[in-house]
Structures are given as structure tokens and as C-alpha cells.
C-alpha atoms as a PDB file:
ATOM      1  CA  UNK A   1      -0.094  -0.045   0.056  1.00  0.00           C
ATOM      2  CA  UNK A   2       1.259   3.417  -0.809  1.00  0.00           C
ATOM      3  CA  UNK A   3       0.280   6.442   1.436  1.00  0.00           C
ATOM      4  CA  UNK A   4       1.136  10.082   0.536  1.00  0.00           C
ATOM      5  CA  UNK A   5       1.988  12.745   3.067  1.00  0.00           C
ATOM      6  CA  UNK A   6       3.275  16.419   2.786  1.00  0.00           C
ATOM      7  CA  UNK A   7       6.878  16.908   3.645  1.00  0.00           C
ATOM      8  CA  UNK A   8      10.238  15.355   3.452  1.00  0.00           C
ATOM      9  CA  UNK A   9      11.102  11.809   4.743  1.00  0.00           C
ATOM     10  CA  UNK A  10      11.292  12.052   8.527  1.00  0.00           C
ATOM     11  CA  UNK A  11       8.499  14.576   8.870  1.00  0.00           C
ATOM     12  CA  UNK A  12       5.983  14.255  11.593  1.00  0.00           C
ATOM     13  CA  UNK A  13       3.320  13.450   8.938  1.00  0.00           C
ATOM     14  CA  UNK A  14       5.422  10.495   7.821  1.00  0.00           C
ATOM     15  CA  UNK A  15       5.670   9.314  11.443  1.00  0.00           C
ATOM     16  CA  UNK A  16       1.830   9.496  11.610  1.00  0.00           C
ATOM     17  CA  UNK A  17       1.527   7.419   8.541  1.00  0.00           C
ATOM     18  CA  UNK A  18       3.493   4.599   9.946  1.00  0.00           C
ATOM     19  CA  UNK A  19       1.614   4.829  13.361  1.00  0.00           C
ATOM     20  CA  UNK A  20      -1.681   4.656  11.565  1.00  0.00           C
ATOM     21  CA  UNK A  21      -1.309   2.445   8.561  1.00  0.00           C
ATOM     22  CA  UNK A  22       1.564   0.323   9.798  1.00  0.00           C
ATOM     23  CA  UNK A  23       4.261  -1.039   7.338  1.00  0.00           C
ATOM     24  CA  UNK A  24       3.458   0.744   4.107  1.00  0.00           C
ATOM     25  CA  UNK A  25       5.309   2.498   1.332  1.00  0.00           C
ATOM     26  CA  UNK A  26       5.313   6.322   1.929  1.00  0.00           C
ATOM     27  CA  UNK A  27       5.025   8.887  -0.809  1.00  0.00           C
ATOM     28  CA  UNK A  28       6.621  12.251   0.139  1.00  0.00           C
ATOM     29  CA  UNK A  29       4.778  15.259  -1.393  1.00  0.00           C
ATOM     30  CA  UNK A  30       6.050  18.809  -1.772  1.00  0.00           C
ATOM     31  CA  UNK A  31       2.565  20.341  -1.083  1.00  0.00           C
ATOM     32  CA  UNK A  32      -0.874  19.417   0.080  1.00  0.00           C
ATOM     33  CA  UNK A  33      -2.172  19.932  -3.432  1.00  0.00           C
ATOM     34  CA  UNK A  34       0.308  17.287  -4.673  1.00  0.00           C
ATOM     35  CA  UNK A  35      -0.610  14.981  -1.833  1.00  0.00           C
ATOM     36  CA  UNK A  36      -4.433  15.149  -2.677  1.00  0.00           C
ATOM     37  CA  UNK A  37      -3.633  14.805  -6.500  1.00  0.00           C
ATOM     38  CA  UNK A  38      -1.554  11.676  -5.801  1.00  0.00           C
ATOM     39  CA  UNK A  39      -4.609   9.899  -4.224  1.00  0.00           C
ATOM     40  CA  UNK A  40      -6.969  11.155  -7.101  1.00  0.00           C
ATOM     41  CA  UNK A  41      -4.606   9.961  -9.809  1.00  0.00           C
ATOM     42  CA  UNK A  42      -3.904   6.623  -8.265  1.00  0.00           C
ATOM     43  CA  UNK A  43      -0.197   7.269  -7.581  1.00  0.00           C
ATOM     44  CA  UNK A  44      -0.981   6.439  -3.878  1.00  0.00           C
ATOM     45  CA  UNK A  45      -3.754   4.448  -2.327  1.00  0.00           C
ATOM     46  CA  UNK A  46      -4.409   6.936   0.359  1.00  0.00           C
ATOM     47  CA  UNK A  47      -3.105  10.063   2.191  1.00  0.00           C
ATOM     48  CA  UNK A  48      -2.826  11.295   5.703  1.00  0.00           C
ATOM     49  CA  UNK A  49      -3.604  14.873   5.862  1.00  0.00           C
ATOM     50  CA  UNK A  50      -3.214  17.140   9.005  1.00  0.00           C
ATOM     51  CA  UNK A  51      -6.311  18.995   9.648  1.00  0.00           C
ATOM     52  CA  UNK A  52      -5.791  20.793  12.937  1.00  0.00           C
ATOM     53  CA  UNK A  53      -3.210  21.408  15.593  1.00  0.00           C
ATOM     54  CA  UNK A  54      -4.197  21.598  19.373  1.00  0.00           C
ATOM     55  CA  UNK A  55      -2.082  24.732  19.719  1.00  0.00           C
ATOM     56  CA  UNK A  56      -1.969  26.378  16.214  1.00  0.00           C
ATOM     57  CA  UNK A  57      -5.571  25.609  15.116  1.00  0.00           C
ATOM     58  CA  UNK A  58      -6.993  24.470  11.801  1.00  0.00           C
ATOM     59  CA  UNK A  59      -5.028  23.829   8.605  1.00  0.00           C
ATOM     60  CA  UNK A  60      -7.499  25.745   6.390  1.00  0.00           C
ATOM     61  CA  UNK A  61      -5.842  24.726   3.062  1.00  0.00           C
ATOM     62  CA  UNK A  62      -6.831  20.989   3.628  1.00  0.00           C
ATOM     63  CA  UNK A  63     -10.453  21.970   4.351  1.00  0.00           C
ATOM     64  CA  UNK A  64     -10.550  23.633   0.927  1.00  0.00           C
ATOM     65  CA  UNK A  65      -8.916  20.572  -0.630  1.00  0.00           C
ATOM     66  CA  UNK A  66     -11.452  18.194   0.941  1.00  0.00           C
ATOM     67  CA  UNK A  67     -14.126  20.072  -0.910  1.00  0.00           C
ATOM     68  CA  UNK A  68     -12.292  20.366  -4.135  1.00  0.00           C
ATOM     69  CA  UNK A  69     -11.624  16.742  -4.510  1.00  0.00           C
ATOM     70  CA  UNK A  70     -13.942  13.825  -4.809  1.00  0.00           C
ATOM     71  CA  UNK A  71     -12.224  11.857  -1.974  1.00  0.00           C
ATOM     72  CA  UNK A  72     -13.532  10.340   1.237  1.00  0.00           C
ATOM     73  CA  UNK A  73     -12.471  10.540   4.920  1.00  0.00           C
ATOM     74  CA  UNK A  74     -11.942   6.893   6.282  1.00  0.00           C
ATOM     75  CA  UNK A  75     -10.086   7.554   9.461  1.00  0.00           C
ATOM     76  CA  UNK A  76      -8.450   9.908  11.950  1.00  0.00           C
ATOM     77  CA  UNK A  77      -5.340   9.797  14.015  1.00  0.00           C
ATOM     78  CA  UNK A  78      -3.848  11.964  16.735  1.00  0.00           C
ATOM     79  CA  UNK A  79      -0.167  12.359  16.860  1.00  0.00           C
ATOM     80  CA  UNK A  80       1.696  13.853  19.946  1.00  0.00           C
ATOM     81  CA  UNK A  81       4.155  16.328  18.494  1.00  0.00           C
ATOM     82  CA  UNK A  82       7.364  16.470  20.282  1.00  0.00           C
ATOM     83  CA  UNK A  83      10.072  18.867  18.880  1.00  0.00           C
ATOM     84  CA  UNK A  84      13.796  18.294  19.039  1.00  0.00           C
ATOM     85  CA  UNK A  85      16.639  20.881  18.745  1.00  0.00           C
ATOM     86  CA  UNK A  86      18.860  19.142  16.148  1.00  0.00           C
ATOM     87  CA  UNK A  87      22.362  20.117  15.175  1.00  0.00           C
ATOM     88  CA  UNK A  88      25.398  18.861  13.273  1.00  0.00           C
ATOM     89  CA  UNK A  89      27.111  15.733  14.655  1.00  0.00           C
ATOM     90  CA  UNK A  90      29.891  18.047  16.056  1.00  0.00           C
ATOM     91  CA  UNK A  91      27.513  20.871  17.184  1.00  0.00           C
ATOM     92  CA  UNK A  92      27.519  22.171  20.794  1.00  0.00           C
ATOM     93  CA  UNK A  93      24.465  23.753  22.448  1.00  0.00           C
ATOM     94  CA  UNK A  94      26.228  26.842  23.610  1.00  0.00           C
ATOM     95  CA  UNK A  95      27.226  27.654  19.903  1.00  0.00           C
ATOM     96  CA  UNK A  96      23.671  27.598  18.463  1.00  0.00           C
ATOM     97  CA  UNK A  97      22.737  31.093  17.448  1.00  0.00           C
ATOM     98  CA  UNK A  98      19.887  30.279  14.858  1.00  0.00           C
ATOM     99  CA  UNK A  99      17.084  27.773  14.500  1.00  0.00           C
ATOM    100  CA  UNK A 100      15.572  26.877  11.240  1.00  0.00           C
ATOM    101  CA  UNK A 101      12.078  25.036  10.817  1.00  0.00           C
ATOM    102  CA  UNK A 102       8.466  25.240   9.572  1.00  0.00           C
ATOM    103  CA  UNK A 103       6.833  28.447  10.836  1.00  0.00           C
ATOM    104  CA  UNK A 104       4.411  26.338  13.055  1.00  0.00           C
ATOM    105  CA  UNK A 105       7.080  24.538  14.708  1.00  0.00           C
ATOM    106  CA  UNK A 106       9.075  27.676  15.404  1.00  0.00           C
ATOM    107  CA  UNK A 107       5.941  29.370  16.802  1.00  0.00           C
ATOM    108  CA  UNK A 108       5.491  26.294  19.072  1.00  0.00           C
ATOM    109  CA  UNK A 109       9.002  26.711  20.459  1.00  0.00           C
ATOM    110  CA  UNK A 110       8.986  30.558  20.590  1.00  0.00           C
ATOM    111  CA  UNK A 111       9.568  30.898  24.346  1.00  0.00           C
ATOM    112  CA  UNK A 112      12.313  28.341  24.289  1.00  0.00           C
ATOM    113  CA  UNK A 113      14.228  30.007  21.554  1.00  0.00           C
ATOM    114  CA  UNK A 114      13.667  33.590  23.104  1.00  0.00           C
ATOM    115  CA  UNK A 115      14.924  32.621  26.415  1.00  0.00           C
ATOM    116  CA  UNK A 116      18.139  31.187  24.939  1.00  0.00           C
ATOM    117  CA  UNK A 117      18.646  34.140  22.404  1.00  0.00           C
ATOM    118  CA  UNK A 118      18.303  31.776  19.361  1.00  0.00           C
ATOM    119  CA  UNK A 119      16.958  33.661  16.315  1.00  0.00           C
ATOM    120  CA  UNK A 120      14.208  31.720  14.420  1.00  0.00           C
ATOM    121  CA  UNK A 121      14.262  31.502  10.674  1.00  0.00           C
ATOM    122  CA  UNK A 122      11.415  30.075   8.566  1.00  0.00           C
ATOM    123  CA  UNK A 123      11.897  27.281   6.071  1.00  0.00           C
ATOM    124  CA  UNK A 124       9.431  25.081   4.191  1.00  0.00           C
ATOM    125  CA  UNK A 125       9.336  21.975   6.371  1.00  0.00           C
ATOM    126  CA  UNK A 126      10.364  20.467   9.683  1.00  0.00           C
ATOM    127  CA  UNK A 127      12.293  17.436   8.306  1.00  0.00           C
ATOM    128  CA  UNK A 128      13.546  19.580   5.355  1.00  0.00           C
ATOM    129  CA  UNK A 129      15.195  21.939   7.899  1.00  0.00           C
ATOM    130  CA  UNK A 130      17.239  18.972   9.034  1.00  0.00           C
ATOM    131  CA  UNK A 131      18.201  18.152   5.312  1.00  0.00           C
ATOM    132  CA  UNK A 132      19.088  21.715   4.688  1.00  0.00           C
ATOM    133  CA  UNK A 133      21.147  21.958   7.853  1.00  0.00           C
ATOM    134  CA  UNK A 134      23.159  18.911   6.951  1.00  0.00           C
ATOM    135  CA  UNK A 135      23.838  20.193   3.546  1.00  0.00           C
ATOM    136  CA  UNK A 136      25.077  23.630   4.986  1.00  0.00           C
ATOM    137  CA  UNK A 137      27.272  22.061   7.686  1.00  0.00           C
ATOM    138  CA  UNK A 138      26.733  25.171   9.821  1.00  0.00           C
ATOM    139  CA  UNK A 139      27.738  24.455  13.589  1.00  0.00           C
ATOM    140  CA  UNK A 140      25.892  27.685  14.763  1.00  0.00           C
ATOM    141  CA  UNK A 141      22.534  26.608  13.405  1.00  0.00           C
ATOM    142  CA  UNK A 142      20.024  24.066  14.499  1.00  0.00           C
ATOM    143  CA  UNK A 143      16.881  22.584  13.149  1.00  0.00           C
ATOM    144  CA  UNK A 144      13.595  21.945  14.809  1.00  0.00           C
ATOM    145  CA  UNK A 145      12.055  18.691  13.920  1.00  0.00           C
ATOM    146  CA  UNK A 146      11.398  15.159  15.012  1.00  0.00           C
ATOM    147  CA  UNK A 147      13.701  12.583  16.514  1.00  0.00           C
ATOM    148  CA  UNK A 148      13.076  10.371  13.518  1.00  0.00           C
ATOM    149  CA  UNK A 149      14.428  13.192  11.283  1.00  0.00           C
ATOM    150  CA  UNK A 150      17.539  13.437  13.182  1.00  0.00           C
ATOM    151  CA  UNK A 151      18.146   9.793  13.028  1.00  0.00           C
ATOM    152  CA  UNK A 152      17.268   9.534   9.311  1.00  0.00           C
ATOM    153  CA  UNK A 153      19.855  12.240   8.383  1.00  0.00           C
ATOM    154  CA  UNK A 154      22.458  11.239  10.906  1.00  0.00           C
ATOM    155  CA  UNK A 155      22.238  14.451  13.030  1.00  0.00           C
ATOM    156  CA  UNK A 156      22.626  15.135  16.687  1.00  0.00           C
ATOM    157  CA  UNK A 157      19.782  15.873  19.055  1.00  0.00           C
ATOM    158  CA  UNK A 158      20.904  18.733  21.261  1.00  0.00           C
ATOM    159  CA  UNK A 159      17.695  18.837  23.343  1.00  0.00           C
ATOM    160  CA  UNK A 160      14.415  17.017  23.197  1.00  0.00           C
ATOM    161  CA  UNK A 161      10.910  18.150  24.034  1.00  0.00           C
ATOM    162  CA  UNK A 162      11.509  21.831  23.434  1.00  0.00           C
ATOM    163  CA  UNK A 163       7.914  22.779  22.765  1.00  0.00           C
ATOM    164  CA  UNK A 164       6.516  25.581  25.046  1.00  0.00           C
ATOM    165  CA  UNK A 165       3.246  23.546  25.791  1.00  0.00           C
ATOM    166  CA  UNK A 166       3.392  19.682  26.037  1.00  0.00           C
ATOM    167  CA  UNK A 167      -0.189  19.469  25.058  1.00  0.00           C
ATOM    168  CA  UNK A 168       0.796  19.608  21.473  1.00  0.00           C
ATOM    169  CA  UNK A 169      -1.271  17.173  19.167  1.00  0.00           C
ATOM    170  CA  UNK A 170      -1.969  17.131  15.359  1.00  0.00           C
ATOM    171  CA  UNK A 171      -5.067  15.569  14.219  1.00  0.00           C
ATOM    172  CA  UNK A 172      -4.754  13.776  10.833  1.00  0.00           C
ATOM    173  CA  UNK A 173      -7.428  12.557   8.385  1.00  0.00           C
ATOM    174  CA  UNK A 174      -7.014   9.425   6.306  1.00  0.00           C
ATOM    175  CA  UNK A 175      -8.113  10.024   2.804  1.00  0.00           C
ATOM    176  CA  UNK A 176      -9.071   7.489   0.152  1.00  0.00           C
ATOM    177  CA  UNK A 177     -10.900   7.371  -3.183  1.00  0.00           C
ATOM    178  CA  UNK A 178     -13.637   5.044  -1.911  1.00  0.00           C
ATOM    179  CA  UNK A 179     -15.725   5.454   1.294  1.00  0.00           C
ATOM    180  CA  UNK A 180     -15.798   2.948   4.051  1.00  0.00           C
ATOM    181  CA  UNK A 181     -18.666   2.000   6.505  1.00  0.00           C
ATOM    182  CA  UNK A 182     -17.210   2.308  10.101  1.00  0.00           C
ATOM    183  CA  UNK A 183     -17.703  -0.188  12.885  1.00  0.00           C
ATOM    184  CA  UNK A 184     -18.123   0.745  16.483  1.00  0.00           C
ATOM    185  CA  UNK A 185     -18.008   4.348  17.564  1.00  0.00           C
ATOM    186  CA  UNK A 186     -17.841   6.663  14.634  1.00  0.00           C
ATOM    187  CA  UNK A 187     -17.400  10.283  13.667  1.00  0.00           C
ATOM    188  CA  UNK A 188     -18.970  11.936  10.494  1.00  0.00           C
ATOM    189  CA  UNK A 189     -17.600  14.992   8.715  1.00  0.00           C
ATOM    190  CA  UNK A 190     -19.838  17.123   6.400  1.00  0.00           C
ATOM    191  CA  UNK A 191     -19.739  20.457   4.662  1.00  0.00           C
ATOM    192  CA  UNK A 192     -22.763  22.738   3.678  1.00  0.00           C
ATOM    193  CA  UNK A 193     -23.804  26.160   2.699  1.00  0.00           C
ATOM    194  CA  UNK A 194     -26.753  28.068   3.956  1.00  0.00           C
ATOM    195  CA  UNK A 195     -28.925  30.995   2.813  1.00  0.00           C
ATOM    196  CA  UNK A 196     -27.504  34.265   4.292  1.00  0.00           C
ATOM    197  CA  UNK A 197     -30.688  35.081   6.362  1.00  0.00           C
ATOM    198  CA  UNK A 198     -31.242  35.517  10.111  1.00  0.00           C
ATOM    199  CA  UNK A 199     -31.442  32.165  12.115  1.00  0.00           C
ATOM    200  CA  UNK A 200     -30.118  29.961   9.281  1.00  0.00           C
ATOM    201  CA  UNK A 201     -27.222  28.703  11.288  1.00  0.00           C
ATOM    202  CA  UNK A 202     -29.259  28.315  14.408  1.00  0.00           C
ATOM    203  CA  UNK A 203     -31.641  26.145  12.473  1.00  0.00           C
ATOM    204  CA  UNK A 204     -28.795  24.116  10.997  1.00  0.00           C
ATOM    205  CA  UNK A 205     -27.298  23.458  14.454  1.00  0.00           C
ATOM    206  CA  UNK A 206     -30.706  22.532  15.921  1.00  0.00           C
ATOM    207  CA  UNK A 207     -31.092  19.355  13.700  1.00  0.00           C
ATOM    208  CA  UNK A 208     -28.178  17.838  15.696  1.00  0.00           C
ATOM    209  CA  UNK A 209     -29.391  19.095  19.174  1.00  0.00           C
ATOM    210  CA  UNK A 210     -32.837  17.803  18.606  1.00  0.00           C
ATOM    211  CA  UNK A 211     -31.421  14.246  18.202  1.00  0.00           C
ATOM    212  CA  UNK A 212     -28.712  14.432  20.866  1.00  0.00           C
ATOM    213  CA  UNK A 213     -25.867  14.293  18.342  1.00  0.00           C
ATOM    214  CA  UNK A 214     -22.637  15.643  19.714  1.00  0.00           C
ATOM    215  CA  UNK A 215     -20.854  18.262  17.558  1.00  0.00           C
ATOM    216  CA  UNK A 216     -17.127  18.025  18.041  1.00  0.00           C
ATOM    217  CA  UNK A 217     -16.020  20.682  15.634  1.00  0.00           C
ATOM    218  CA  UNK A 218     -17.493  23.510  13.468  1.00  0.00           C
ATOM    219  CA  UNK A 219     -15.235  25.336  11.067  1.00  0.00           C
ATOM    220  CA  UNK A 220     -16.328  28.125   8.654  1.00  0.00           C
ATOM    221  CA  UNK A 221     -14.471  28.889   5.309  1.00  0.00           C
ATOM    222  CA  UNK A 222     -15.050  31.712   2.852  1.00  0.00           C
ATOM    223  CA  UNK A 223     -17.187  30.605  -0.137  1.00  0.00           C
ATOM    224  CA  UNK A 224     -15.129  31.469  -3.147  1.00  0.00           C
ATOM    225  CA  UNK A 225     -16.805  33.995  -5.501  1.00  0.00           C
ATOM    226  CA  UNK A 226     -19.381  35.032  -3.004  1.00  0.00           C
ATOM    227  CA  UNK A 227     -17.957  37.632  -0.529  1.00  0.00           C
ATOM    228  CA  UNK A 228     -19.213  37.347   3.083  1.00  0.00           C
ATOM    229  CA  UNK A 229     -20.813  33.921   2.480  1.00  0.00           C
ATOM    230  CA  UNK A 230     -19.517  30.802   4.081  1.00  0.00           C
ATOM    231  CA  UNK A 231     -18.993  27.026   3.946  1.00  0.00           C
ATOM    232  CA  UNK A 232     -19.476  25.272   7.256  1.00  0.00           C
ATOM    233  CA  UNK A 233     -17.456  22.083   8.087  1.00  0.00           C
ATOM    234  CA  UNK A 234     -18.996  19.989  10.874  1.00  0.00           C
ATOM    235  CA  UNK A 235     -17.854  16.852  12.749  1.00  0.00           C
ATOM    236  CA  UNK A 236     -20.209  14.940  14.911  1.00  0.00           C
ATOM    237  CA  UNK A 237     -20.328  11.806  16.810  1.00  0.00           C
ATOM    238  CA  UNK A 238     -22.071   8.984  14.946  1.00  0.00           C
ATOM    239  CA  UNK A 239     -22.182   7.428  11.531  1.00  0.00           C
ATOM    240  CA  UNK A 240     -24.164   8.718   8.599  1.00  0.00           C
ATOM    241  CA  UNK A 241     -25.646   5.242   8.333  1.00  0.00           C
ATOM    242  CA  UNK A 242     -27.182   5.548  11.942  1.00  0.00           C
ATOM    243  CA  UNK A 243     -30.846   6.437  12.113  1.00  0.00           C
ATOM    244  CA  UNK A 244     -30.472   9.514  14.087  1.00  0.00           C
ATOM    245  CA  UNK A 245     -27.760  10.899  11.809  1.00  0.00           C
ATOM    246  CA  UNK A 246     -29.848  10.071   8.829  1.00  0.00           C
ATOM    247  CA  UNK A 247     -32.871  12.072  10.189  1.00  0.00           C
ATOM    248  CA  UNK A 248     -30.604  14.962  11.145  1.00  0.00           C
ATOM    249  CA  UNK A 249     -29.028  15.108   7.713  1.00  0.00           C
ATOM    250  CA  UNK A 250     -32.353  14.934   6.006  1.00  0.00           C
ATOM    251  CA  UNK A 251     -33.683  17.746   8.139  1.00  0.00           C
ATOM    252  CA  UNK A 252     -30.461  19.738   7.448  1.00  0.00           C
ATOM    253  CA  UNK A 253     -30.920  19.243   3.692  1.00  0.00           C
ATOM    254  CA  UNK A 254     -34.137  21.269   4.040  1.00  0.00           C
ATOM    255  CA  UNK A 255     -32.148  24.363   5.050  1.00  0.00           C
ATOM    256  CA  UNK A 256     -28.814  23.852   3.246  1.00  0.00           C
ATOM    257  CA  UNK A 257     -28.232  25.044  -0.282  1.00  0.00           C
ATOM    258  CA  UNK A 258     -25.424  22.447  -0.647  1.00  0.00           C
ATOM    259  CA  UNK A 259     -24.643  19.506   1.548  1.00  0.00           C
ATOM    260  CA  UNK A 260     -21.896  17.088   1.053  1.00  0.00           C
ATOM    261  CA  UNK A 261     -20.773  14.077   3.178  1.00  0.00           C
ATOM    262  CA  UNK A 262     -17.115  13.935   3.522  1.00  0.00           C
ATOM    263  CA  UNK A 263     -17.040  10.615   5.308  1.00  0.00           C
ATOM    264  CA  UNK A 264     -17.926   8.503   8.360  1.00  0.00           C
ATOM    265  CA  UNK A 265     -15.008   6.873  10.058  1.00  0.00           C
ATOM    266  CA  UNK A 266     -13.929   5.175  13.314  1.00  0.00           C
ATOM    267  CA  UNK A 267     -13.306   7.747  16.061  1.00  0.00           C
ATOM    268  CA  UNK A 268      -9.763   7.761  17.371  1.00  0.00           C
ATOM    269  CA  UNK A 269      -9.364   7.204  21.022  1.00  0.00           C
END
């Protein structure tokens, strides 16, 4: 099985792929667009797309890509993100003046870097920062990435667990071309649009409350081509095949201008 992810080998996303899918062939992709396209084209059988981080919030581009492509969510996975300060094999902690990494990783380690007078510098990817550092050979520069990235490129971990907040998790969605019917406790993701009239969102939310369906997330995104109108992405506990969910979705369709099921999948615990 081939599974695509965004980033260089050794990225957190690749680690999530191995944790979730097991022993599979990974397909590194330079961007989220390329990652989704690889599944659509059949170059990979699935993708694992980050959708939100417990500290940094939602990854809006992937919400847009879910709508743009005719793919289905078949699972979710939560990865505990633990950042490492990584240097050249001969590097010393006291010599580090600059840290390079993806902007989200730098933001999650901002206090750590500030307290030590280390200047942050943005690059395209966490694992990619380790690759760039190795190529440069700079002894006064460190990368912020995963333990696996350090091991993969033969680099030295100067310090581990440098994130400012230990409650740092990224939620990933497993994406495939065909939907699956989940067994056991499930979660469902949908997207819809509404008329821009008073009370429309309240009515849409009430279809779930009336049936005691637990909403776990709601995200709004701009509707392209229609200023100040929005798409609403919702996750709720339950499968779209359950009777209560069917009734709620049928009720929602009475209000929604557009309603699309993105997938029902096993809830990660």
C-alpha cells in the first residue's frame, strides 16, 4: 500500500502514516495539493492529511482541498508532537545562534528560543530543515524537527521536548478514493452552505441538538466567488448510516443550499 504525506522523509506526517497504517510505502509530497492529487490519480492508495493542531488551530488549506476533490475520509489519527533541537554531529548547544524550521514548529517553540537568544528562521518543512542544515554544515545553526528526522539524516539531538506547551497534538485525516462503513463508535464530517438570512445557522445546528448528536467541531471557510458567504464544516459523533444521523442530515438538507458528506470513520481514542 502506498500512502502520501506532505513533507520530506522524517516529517511528523510520515511518522503519523507509519503509526496509523503500519508497514506501508510512503510517498513524500512537496505540497498538500500534490498530496491530494496523488490519491486522485492513483499514484498512492491513500493520504494522511493534517487538519488541525491543538495549539495552532485548523489547517485551512486542507479543508478547501477536501471540498475540491472527490475523496472520502476513512479514518483519523492524533499524533503527539514532540520537537527536538537538532544540530550537526559536532555541534555544541552553547554555539547555537539560529534555529530553522517550519513556521508552525518555530511558533510552538517561541519561548524556548527567546529565552536562549536563538534567532528563528522560517523554512518550508520540519524534516526539510534538517536536510538543509546537513547540506550547509553550519555549527551555529540548529533545526527543529522530530527525533526520526535526526536519526534519518544522521544528525545530533541537542535537546528533546523543547515545545512551549506539552499538550501539542496534530489531528490527521486518512483520505481514500472510496468510502468505508465504520464499525463501532464513529465520527462523521460534512460540509454545507446556507442562505444568508437571520437564524439560518441556528436552524442548521438545531437538527443535531434535537437528536442528541454531539458536535465535536465546526469550522467556517469563505465561499469563493461570494464575498461574506461561508462554507460550514462540521464533525459530529455517529455514522451517517445511523438512523438518528440520517434524520438529522435529511432535516439539514431542508435548510442547506449544498450538503456534502465527506465521510464516516472510526473515532480515534
